[in-house]
Amino acid sequence: MSESKNVQPVSELELAALSSAAMPSIQVRGIRGAMQSSDSGQWLSLVDALGDSWLSWAPAHAWSDKKEERFVRTTDFLKDAQADRKLPFETPVLEGEIRRNGGGTVMVFRHPGGAALTNENLSVAGLLPKSLGSSLAALHELEATQFARICGQYADAERTRRALKQLVDRHVSAIPARLRSRWLDALSEDSLWVFQPVPLHGSLCSQDVYVAPGGAVLGIFGFDSAAVGDPAQDMAWLMLYASDAFLSSFESAYALARKSPDLHVLARATLLAELETLRWYARGVACEDREWRRAGVQALRDMDSEIGDHRLVPKRQEVVEIAFTVEEEPLMRLQQTEPGTGSGPRSRWQAQETEVIVPSAQSPRRIGLGGTQETAEDQEHATGAYDPFPHQSARSAGTHPTGAEPTWDSDQTGSIEVP
């Protein structure tokens, strides 16, 4: 059974009024900036009579008591980590909440400062990619076992890989052959799937990150989909919007701040970003919406045309083995000629040498997906597994898909729920 269901959005004035009711001790005097909307819900910055700033959040879905308890425990853990100077940014600390009529909750947090990140900020390098890279690395370096117990969600490399392979196999007829080969090659490459599960935000997008005017990350909010899993999950959104210069700076800062190297984290992030188009198509299939399915097939074809023959994993060259008999091998060593003579068994051996090419750790080629985001209801396993991309989850599965862009979501994660 799902832990959440969609609720109706609220207006700015309604959200401000509910925030005042949730925090009777403050007197809301104004709204700072426009209300921000993301897959996780609606966010509004408020100013009280003393000039202090607050952040009000109306989640896009009503939570069960179990989910709300997990969120509070997770934010408490993050608050302690920040107090211990393990995190260089502010995290959400719940100051007040109130139930909405008809379901849903409004939560109020102290504002971290700065302004919410936009996708346009991801086009240039500077302080921002370095600060974001080191911030995510600090989050991913937190103790994973304890975090998994708190948030209740965990997925290791094999479960993640197996679930993605099942997703591709289930909708193989809709995927162009060249694109299918690209994905299956990446899923078959063992070296790509060597990583330690880490604490994750779980649904990270631009609106969750608050930055100073100079580009320093001041706060990361949300965490309602926190989990332990593939670190690439917190980077997949960057693969759609960030420039090459931004990604290069981000990757360097992230790798420098991590204790253990993960050479293929951006390759997996690219794969996860691309597979969101397939998940979007899969939701149309589940809704039995022909127009949605038709749009999904076209999106997959467009992606195939844009990517072309580029591969996530370089193709290995054939390795030729040369074997010698017991009698031949000593003779070969004795009859080696001087280099460059062009005669003798040594020359023949040199002519038969074959170079072995191994996959490069270089960052993969990325693609950009056009369009606007599409919403769909979060589908959860009967096992209680979490969505690896729920900043895309708990949305209306019946939303019309025309002109929409695939969003982070997964109904097949291979994850398990930690009791």
Protein backbone atom coordinates (compact mmCIF):
# COMPACT_ATOMS: atom_id res chain seq x y z
CA MET A 1 0.00 0.00 0.00
CA SER A 2 1.29 3.46 -0.88
CA GLU A 3 2.26 5.75 1.94
CA SER A 4 0.97 8.87 0.18
CA LYS A 5 -1.72 10.19 -2.12
CA ASN A 6 -1.93 13.35 -4.17
CA VAL A 7 -3.59 16.45 -2.72
CA GLN A 8 -4.83 19.65 -4.29
CA PRO A 9 -2.33 22.51 -4.67
CA VAL A 10 -2.74 25.70 -2.63
CA SER A 11 -2.54 29.38 -3.51
CA GLU A 12 0.09 31.75 -2.12
CA LEU A 13 -2.36 33.43 0.25
CA GLU A 14 -3.74 30.11 1.44
CA LEU A 15 -0.26 28.78 2.12
CA ALA A 16 0.71 31.97 3.99
CA ALA A 17 -2.44 31.74 6.12
CA LEU A 18 -1.84 28.07 6.94
CA SER A 19 1.75 28.87 7.86
CA SER A 20 0.59 31.51 10.33
CA ALA A 21 -1.75 28.96 11.88
CA ALA A 22 1.07 26.43 12.08
CA MET A 23 3.33 28.97 13.85
CA PRO A 24 1.13 31.12 16.13
CA SER A 25 4.22 32.65 17.72
CA ILE A 26 5.19 34.49 14.54
CA GLN A 27 3.31 37.21 12.72
CA VAL A 28 3.60 36.78 8.98
CA ARG A 29 3.91 40.22 7.40
CA GLY A 30 4.80 39.42 3.84
CA ILE A 31 5.77 37.03 1.07
CA ARG A 32 9.29 37.08 -0.31
CA GLY A 33 9.47 36.16 -3.98
CA ALA A 34 7.14 33.97 -5.97
CA MET A 35 5.91 30.58 -4.80
CA GLN A 36 8.08 27.74 -6.11
CA SER A 37 6.54 24.50 -7.33
CA SER A 38 8.37 21.21 -7.77
CA ASP A 39 7.50 17.55 -7.84
CA SER A 40 7.76 17.48 -4.04
CA GLY A 41 5.18 20.23 -3.58
CA GLN A 42 4.93 24.00 -3.20
CA TRP A 43 7.39 26.24 -1.38
CA LEU A 44 6.84 29.81 -0.20
CA SER A 45 9.26 32.21 1.53
CA LEU A 46 7.67 34.30 4.29
CA VAL A 47 8.84 37.27 6.38
CA ASP A 48 7.60 37.87 9.94
CA ALA A 49 7.22 41.08 11.94
CA LEU A 50 10.82 40.85 13.20
CA GLY A 51 12.25 40.50 9.71
CA ASP A 52 13.07 36.79 10.07
CA SER A 53 12.55 34.56 7.06
CA TRP A 54 10.65 31.28 7.03
CA LEU A 55 10.09 28.59 4.45
CA SER A 56 6.63 27.07 4.15
CA TRP A 57 6.14 23.75 2.38
CA ALA A 58 2.91 22.16 1.21
CA PRO A 59 3.84 18.61 0.10
CA ALA A 60 2.21 17.47 -3.12
CA HIS A 61 0.80 14.41 -1.38
CA ALA A 62 -0.67 13.44 1.94
CA TRP A 63 1.66 11.37 4.09
CA SER A 64 0.90 8.40 6.25
CA ASP A 65 1.88 8.62 9.92
CA LYS A 66 4.72 6.21 9.18
CA LYS A 67 6.15 8.38 6.40
CA GLU A 68 5.91 11.54 8.51
CA GLU A 69 7.68 9.80 11.40
CA ARG A 70 10.51 8.76 9.06
CA PHE A 71 10.84 12.31 7.76
CA VAL A 72 11.13 13.77 11.27
CA ARG A 73 13.73 11.15 12.25
CA THR A 74 15.70 11.83 9.07
CA THR A 75 15.76 15.59 9.57
CA ASP A 76 16.79 15.13 13.21
CA PHE A 77 19.70 12.95 12.07
CA LEU A 78 20.75 15.57 9.52
CA LYS A 79 20.49 18.33 12.13
CA ASP A 80 22.87 16.40 14.41
CA ALA A 81 25.26 15.83 11.50
CA GLN A 82 25.29 19.55 10.78
CA ALA A 83 25.91 20.33 14.45
CA ASP A 84 28.87 17.95 14.34
CA ARG A 85 30.17 19.84 11.28
CA LYS A 86 29.76 16.84 9.02
CA LEU A 87 27.49 18.80 6.68
CA PRO A 88 28.47 22.24 5.32
CA PHE A 89 24.89 23.34 4.61
CA GLU A 90 21.60 23.94 6.43
CA THR A 91 19.05 21.13 6.53
CA PRO A 92 15.29 21.32 7.20
CA VAL A 93 14.33 21.59 10.85
CA LEU A 94 10.58 21.41 11.40
CA GLU A 95 9.35 24.40 13.42
CA GLY A 96 5.60 23.95 13.01
CA GLU A 97 2.97 22.07 11.03
CA ILE A 98 -0.76 21.96 10.49
CA ARG A 99 -3.12 19.55 8.78
CA ARG A 100 -5.01 20.74 5.74
CA ASN A 101 -8.70 20.20 5.17
CA GLY A 102 -9.11 17.37 2.71
CA GLY A 103 -5.73 15.85 3.51
CA GLY A 104 -2.16 16.99 3.35
CA THR A 105 0.07 18.97 5.66
CA VAL A 106 1.73 22.37 5.70
CA MET A 107 5.18 22.48 7.33
CA VAL A 108 7.20 25.54 8.33
CA PHE A 109 11.01 25.67 8.53
CA ARG A 110 13.50 28.42 9.22
CA HIS A 111 14.78 29.76 5.90
CA PRO A 112 18.39 28.75 5.12
CA GLY A 113 19.09 32.03 3.34
CA GLY A 114 19.84 32.77 -0.28
CA ALA A 115 17.52 31.78 -3.10
CA ALA A 116 16.39 28.53 -4.64
CA LEU A 117 18.58 27.26 -7.46
CA THR A 118 17.26 27.36 -11.02
CA ASN A 119 18.23 25.18 -13.97
CA GLU A 120 19.64 28.28 -15.68
CA ASN A 121 22.27 28.48 -12.90
CA LEU A 122 23.72 25.17 -14.12
CA SER A 123 25.04 26.51 -17.40
CA VAL A 124 28.25 28.17 -16.17
CA ALA A 125 31.12 27.09 -13.97
CA GLY A 126 32.31 29.01 -10.92
CA LEU A 127 31.85 28.54 -7.21
CA LEU A 128 28.44 26.86 -7.51
CA PRO A 129 29.52 23.49 -9.03
CA LYS A 130 32.41 23.22 -6.56
CA SER A 131 30.16 23.99 -3.59
CA LEU A 132 27.44 21.64 -4.82
CA GLY A 133 29.93 18.84 -5.44
CA SER A 134 31.50 19.10 -1.99
CA SER A 135 28.06 19.40 -0.35
CA LEU A 136 26.73 16.23 -1.96
CA ALA A 137 29.97 14.43 -1.14
CA ALA A 138 29.56 15.37 2.53
CA LEU A 139 26.01 14.00 2.51
CA HIS A 140 27.18 10.78 0.85
CA GLU A 141 29.94 10.35 3.43
CA LEU A 142 27.48 10.11 6.35
CA GLU A 143 27.17 6.74 8.08
CA ALA A 144 25.01 4.61 5.77
CA THR A 145 23.89 1.85 8.13
CA GLN A 146 22.39 4.20 10.68
CA PHE A 147 20.82 6.34 7.96
CA ALA A 148 19.17 3.25 6.44
CA ARG A 149 17.64 2.33 9.80
CA ILE A 150 16.25 5.84 10.17
CA CYS A 151 14.82 6.38 6.70
CA GLY A 152 13.87 2.74 6.23
CA GLN A 153 14.94 2.51 2.58
CA TYR A 154 17.95 0.71 1.08
CA ALA A 155 19.08 -0.48 -2.36
CA ASP A 156 22.49 -1.96 -3.15
CA ALA A 157 24.23 -2.06 -6.51
CA GLU A 158 22.92 -5.46 -7.59
CA ARG A 159 19.28 -4.71 -6.74
CA THR A 160 19.46 -1.35 -8.54
CA ARG A 161 21.07 -2.91 -11.60
CA ARG A 162 18.63 -5.83 -11.74
CA ALA A 163 15.59 -3.57 -11.45
CA LEU A 164 16.78 -1.33 -14.28
CA LYS A 165 17.42 -4.36 -16.48
CA GLN A 166 13.88 -5.59 -15.78
CA LEU A 167 12.50 -2.18 -16.75
CA VAL A 168 14.25 -2.32 -20.12
CA ASP A 169 13.23 -5.93 -20.74
CA ARG A 170 9.59 -5.22 -19.89
CA HIS A 171 9.28 -2.48 -22.52
CA VAL A 172 11.84 -3.69 -25.02
CA SER A 173 9.45 -3.44 -28.00
CA ALA A 174 9.12 0.33 -27.58
CA ILE A 175 12.87 1.06 -27.46
CA PRO A 176 14.81 1.70 -30.69
CA ALA A 177 17.41 -1.02 -31.25
CA ARG A 178 20.42 1.31 -31.09
CA LEU A 179 19.26 2.92 -27.84
CA ARG A 180 18.41 -0.48 -26.37
CA SER A 181 21.91 -1.71 -27.14
CA ARG A 182 23.41 1.37 -25.43
CA TRP A 183 21.42 0.72 -22.25
CA LEU A 184 21.95 -3.05 -22.14
CA ASP A 185 25.69 -2.66 -22.71
CA ALA A 186 25.86 -0.28 -19.75
CA LEU A 187 23.79 -2.59 -17.57
CA SER A 188 26.02 -5.53 -18.53
CA GLU A 189 29.29 -3.76 -17.76
CA ASP A 190 30.34 -4.98 -14.30
CA SER A 191 32.83 -2.17 -13.71
CA LEU A 192 30.06 0.41 -13.99
CA TRP A 193 28.20 -1.06 -11.01
CA VAL A 194 30.91 -1.03 -8.39
CA PHE A 195 29.80 1.40 -5.70
CA GLN A 196 28.99 1.53 -2.01
CA PRO A 197 25.39 2.54 -1.17
CA VAL A 198 25.37 5.96 0.49
CA PRO A 199 22.85 8.25 2.24
CA LEU A 200 20.80 10.03 -0.42
CA HIS A 201 18.49 12.99 -0.67
CA GLY A 202 16.54 10.70 -2.96
CA SER A 203 14.59 13.27 -4.98
CA LEU A 204 17.02 16.13 -5.52
CA CYS A 205 16.17 18.88 -7.99
CA SER A 206 17.06 22.54 -8.42
CA GLN A 207 14.30 23.87 -6.16
CA ASP A 208 15.67 21.89 -3.19
CA VAL A 209 19.02 23.73 -3.23
CA TYR A 210 19.43 27.23 -1.75
CA VAL A 211 22.47 29.23 -2.78
CA ALA A 212 24.07 32.56 -1.92
CA PRO A 213 24.48 35.22 -4.63
CA GLY A 214 28.11 34.17 -5.07
CA GLY A 215 27.16 30.53 -5.66
CA ALA A 216 27.87 28.90 -2.28
CA VAL A 217 25.32 26.26 -1.26
CA LEU A 218 23.58 27.43 1.91
CA GLY A 219 20.95 24.74 2.35
CA ILE A 220 19.48 21.57 0.89
CA PHE A 221 15.84 20.90 1.75
CA GLY A 222 13.29 18.19 1.02
CA PHE A 223 14.58 14.78 2.13
CA ASP A 224 11.08 13.28 2.18
CA SER A 225 12.45 10.57 -0.14
CA ALA A 226 15.71 10.00 1.74
CA ALA A 227 17.24 6.57 1.22
CA VAL A 228 20.50 4.66 1.02
CA GLY A 229 21.49 3.74 -2.52
CA ASP A 230 23.44 4.69 -5.64
CA PRO A 231 25.10 8.12 -5.31
CA ALA A 232 24.38 8.68 -9.01
CA GLN A 233 20.72 9.05 -8.09
CA ASP A 234 21.38 12.47 -6.54
CA MET A 235 23.14 13.60 -9.74
CA ALA A 236 20.81 12.40 -12.48
CA TRP A 237 18.96 15.74 -12.64
CA LEU A 238 22.26 17.50 -13.37
CA MET A 239 22.78 15.39 -16.50
CA LEU A 240 19.75 17.04 -18.11
CA TYR A 241 20.55 20.68 -17.41
CA ALA A 242 24.22 21.20 -16.47
CA SER A 243 26.82 22.32 -19.00
CA ASP A 244 30.01 20.36 -19.62
CA ALA A 245 32.05 23.02 -17.80
CA PHE A 246 29.71 22.87 -14.81
CA LEU A 247 29.84 19.07 -14.68
CA SER A 248 33.61 18.98 -14.95
CA SER A 249 34.01 21.32 -11.98
CA PHE A 250 31.30 19.49 -10.03
CA GLU A 251 32.87 16.08 -10.65
CA SER A 252 36.32 17.24 -9.53
CA ALA A 253 35.00 18.76 -6.30
CA TYR A 254 32.86 15.71 -5.56
CA ALA A 255 35.70 13.23 -6.15
CA LEU A 256 38.08 15.28 -4.02
CA ALA A 257 35.68 15.27 -1.06
CA ARG A 258 34.85 11.54 -1.23
CA LYS A 259 37.02 9.05 0.64
CA SER A 260 36.48 6.27 -1.90
CA PRO A 261 36.64 6.95 -5.66
CA ASP A 262 33.64 6.23 -7.87
CA LEU A 263 34.97 6.52 -11.41
CA HIS A 264 31.68 5.80 -13.14
CA VAL A 265 29.21 7.78 -11.05
CA LEU A 266 28.39 10.23 -13.86
CA ALA A 267 28.04 7.40 -16.38
CA ARG A 268 25.40 5.82 -14.15
CA ALA A 269 23.77 9.22 -13.61
CA THR A 270 23.52 9.60 -17.39
CA LEU A 271 21.92 6.17 -17.69
CA LEU A 272 19.42 6.95 -14.93
CA ALA A 273 18.54 10.25 -16.60
CA GLU A 274 17.92 8.55 -19.94
CA LEU A 275 15.85 5.76 -18.41
CA GLU A 276 13.42 8.33 -17.02
CA THR A 277 12.01 8.66 -20.53
CA LEU A 278 11.30 4.93 -20.48
CA ARG A 279 9.69 5.19 -17.04
CA TRP A 280 7.52 7.99 -18.32
CA TYR A 281 6.41 5.78 -21.22
CA ALA A 282 5.78 2.93 -18.76
CA ARG A 283 3.38 5.10 -16.76
CA GLY A 284 1.42 5.77 -19.91
CA VAL A 285 1.20 2.02 -20.48
CA ALA A 286 0.00 1.50 -16.90
CA CYS A 287 -2.66 4.20 -17.37
CA GLU A 288 -3.77 2.63 -20.67
CA ASP A 289 -3.51 6.07 -22.26
CA ARG A 290 -2.87 5.72 -25.99
CA GLU A 291 -1.83 9.33 -26.53
CA TRP A 292 0.56 9.12 -23.59
CA ARG A 293 2.06 5.92 -24.98
CA ARG A 294 2.38 7.44 -28.45
CA ALA A 295 4.17 10.48 -27.01
CA GLY A 296 6.46 8.18 -25.02
CA VAL A 297 7.44 6.18 -28.10
CA GLN A 298 8.21 9.38 -29.97
CA ALA A 299 10.32 10.67 -27.06
CA LEU A 300 12.37 7.46 -27.16
CA ARG A 301 12.89 7.82 -30.91
CA ASP A 302 13.95 11.44 -30.50
CA MET A 303 16.44 10.42 -27.83
CA ASP A 304 17.83 7.71 -30.10
CA SER A 305 18.31 10.22 -32.91
CA GLU A 306 20.03 12.71 -30.61
CA ILE A 307 22.42 10.20 -29.03
CA GLY A 308 23.25 8.36 -32.24
CA ASP A 309 26.01 5.77 -32.00
CA HIS A 310 27.61 7.16 -28.84
CA ARG A 311 28.00 4.59 -26.11
CA LEU A 312 28.06 4.86 -22.34
CA VAL A 313 30.63 2.07 -22.21
CA PRO A 314 33.45 1.96 -24.80
CA LYS A 315 33.34 -1.25 -26.79
CA ARG A 316 36.14 -3.66 -25.98
CA GLN A 317 38.41 -4.77 -28.81
CA GLU A 318 38.75 -8.45 -29.43
CA VAL A 319 41.61 -10.04 -27.51
CA VAL A 320 43.70 -12.60 -29.44
CA GLU A 321 45.41 -15.21 -27.31
CA ILE A 322 48.65 -16.76 -28.57
CA ALA A 323 49.66 -20.06 -27.01
CA PHE A 324 53.00 -21.86 -27.30
CA THR A 325 53.80 -25.52 -26.87
CA VAL A 326 56.35 -26.64 -24.30
CA GLU A 327 58.92 -27.07 -27.08
CA GLU A 328 58.23 -23.76 -28.83
CA GLU A 329 58.35 -21.30 -25.93
CA PRO A 330 62.03 -21.79 -24.91
CA LEU A 331 62.98 -21.73 -28.58
CA MET A 332 61.22 -18.39 -29.01
CA ARG A 333 63.20 -16.87 -26.17
CA LEU A 334 66.53 -18.20 -27.48
CA GLN A 335 65.93 -17.05 -31.03
CA GLN A 336 64.88 -13.46 -30.25
CA THR A 337 66.63 -11.06 -32.60
CA GLU A 338 67.69 -7.51 -31.96
CA PRO A 339 64.88 -4.94 -32.24
CA GLY A 340 64.37 -3.67 -35.74
CA THR A 341 66.10 -6.53 -37.58
CA GLY A 342 62.80 -7.62 -39.05
CA SER A 343 63.68 -11.32 -38.96
CA GLY A 344 63.36 -14.28 -36.65
CA PRO A 345 60.57 -15.52 -34.43
CA ARG A 346 60.60 -12.33 -32.29
CA SER A 347 59.52 -10.24 -35.26
CA ARG A 348 56.63 -12.58 -35.97
CA TRP A 349 55.56 -12.37 -32.31
CA GLN A 350 55.66 -8.58 -32.38
CA ALA A 351 53.47 -8.54 -35.44
CA GLN A 352 50.87 -10.62 -33.65
CA GLU A 353 50.64 -8.53 -30.48
CA THR A 354 47.13 -7.19 -29.86
CA GLU A 355 46.35 -4.16 -27.76
CA VAL A 356 43.67 -4.64 -25.13
CA ILE A 357 41.43 -1.64 -24.63
CA VAL A 358 39.66 -1.25 -21.27
CA PRO A 359 36.76 1.07 -20.54
CA SER A 360 37.79 4.64 -19.84
CA ALA A 361 36.88 6.43 -16.61
CA GLN A 362 36.29 9.59 -18.57
CA SER A 363 32.92 11.25 -18.06
CA PRO A 364 30.28 9.97 -20.51
CA ARG A 365 28.64 11.97 -23.22
CA ARG A 366 25.43 13.48 -21.93
CA ILE A 367 22.18 14.32 -23.60
CA GLY A 368 19.53 16.93 -22.96
CA LEU A 369 15.84 16.09 -22.97
CA GLY A 370 13.49 18.80 -24.09
CA GLY A 371 9.98 19.55 -22.98
CA THR A 372 8.31 20.15 -19.66
CA GLN A 373 7.99 17.81 -16.72
CA GLU A 374 5.20 15.25 -16.53
CA THR A 375 3.60 13.98 -13.35
CA ALA A 376 2.45 10.50 -12.38
CA GLU A 377 1.31 8.75 -9.21
CA ASP A 378 4.05 7.09 -7.17
CA GLN A 379 3.85 3.35 -7.57
CA GLU A 380 5.29 1.37 -4.65
CA HIS A 381 6.24 -2.29 -4.39
CA ALA A 382 4.19 -4.55 -2.21
CA THR A 383 7.46 -5.15 -0.41
CA GLY A 384 7.54 -1.55 0.75
CA ALA A 385 10.50 -0.65 -1.50
CA TYR A 386 11.18 2.99 -2.21
CA ASP A 387 11.28 4.86 -5.53
CA PRO A 388 14.85 5.74 -6.44
CA PHE A 389 13.53 8.95 -8.00
CA PRO A 390 10.56 10.06 -5.96
CA HIS A 391 11.13 13.75 -6.52
CA GLN A 392 9.13 12.47 -9.20
CA SER A 393 6.90 10.30 -7.08
CA ALA A 394 3.45 10.52 -5.58
CA ARG A 395 2.04 12.34 -8.57
CA SER A 396 -1.13 11.98 -10.51
CA ALA A 397 -0.78 9.06 -12.88
CA GLY A 398 -3.63 10.39 -14.97
CA THR A 399 -2.06 13.71 -15.88
CA HIS A 400 -2.13 14.33 -19.59
CA PRO A 401 1.33 13.76 -21.10
CA THR A 402 1.20 15.98 -24.16
CA GLY A 403 4.37 18.03 -24.46
CA ALA A 404 5.68 16.70 -21.18
CA GLU A 405 9.23 15.75 -20.26
CA PRO A 406 10.03 12.59 -18.34
CA THR A 407 10.61 13.19 -14.65
CA TRP A 408 12.52 11.21 -12.04
CA ASP A 409 10.34 8.33 -11.05
CA SER A 410 10.56 4.58 -10.79
CA ASP A 411 8.16 1.84 -9.98
CA GLN A 412 10.91 -0.78 -10.12
CA THR A 413 13.86 -0.08 -7.86
CA GLY A 414 14.88 -3.43 -6.46
CA SER A 415 15.24 -1.79 -3.08
CA ILE A 416 14.14 -3.22 0.22
CA GLU A 417 12.55 -1.66 3.23
CA VAL A 418 14.64 -1.70 6.38
CA PRO A 419 12.57 -2.56 9.45
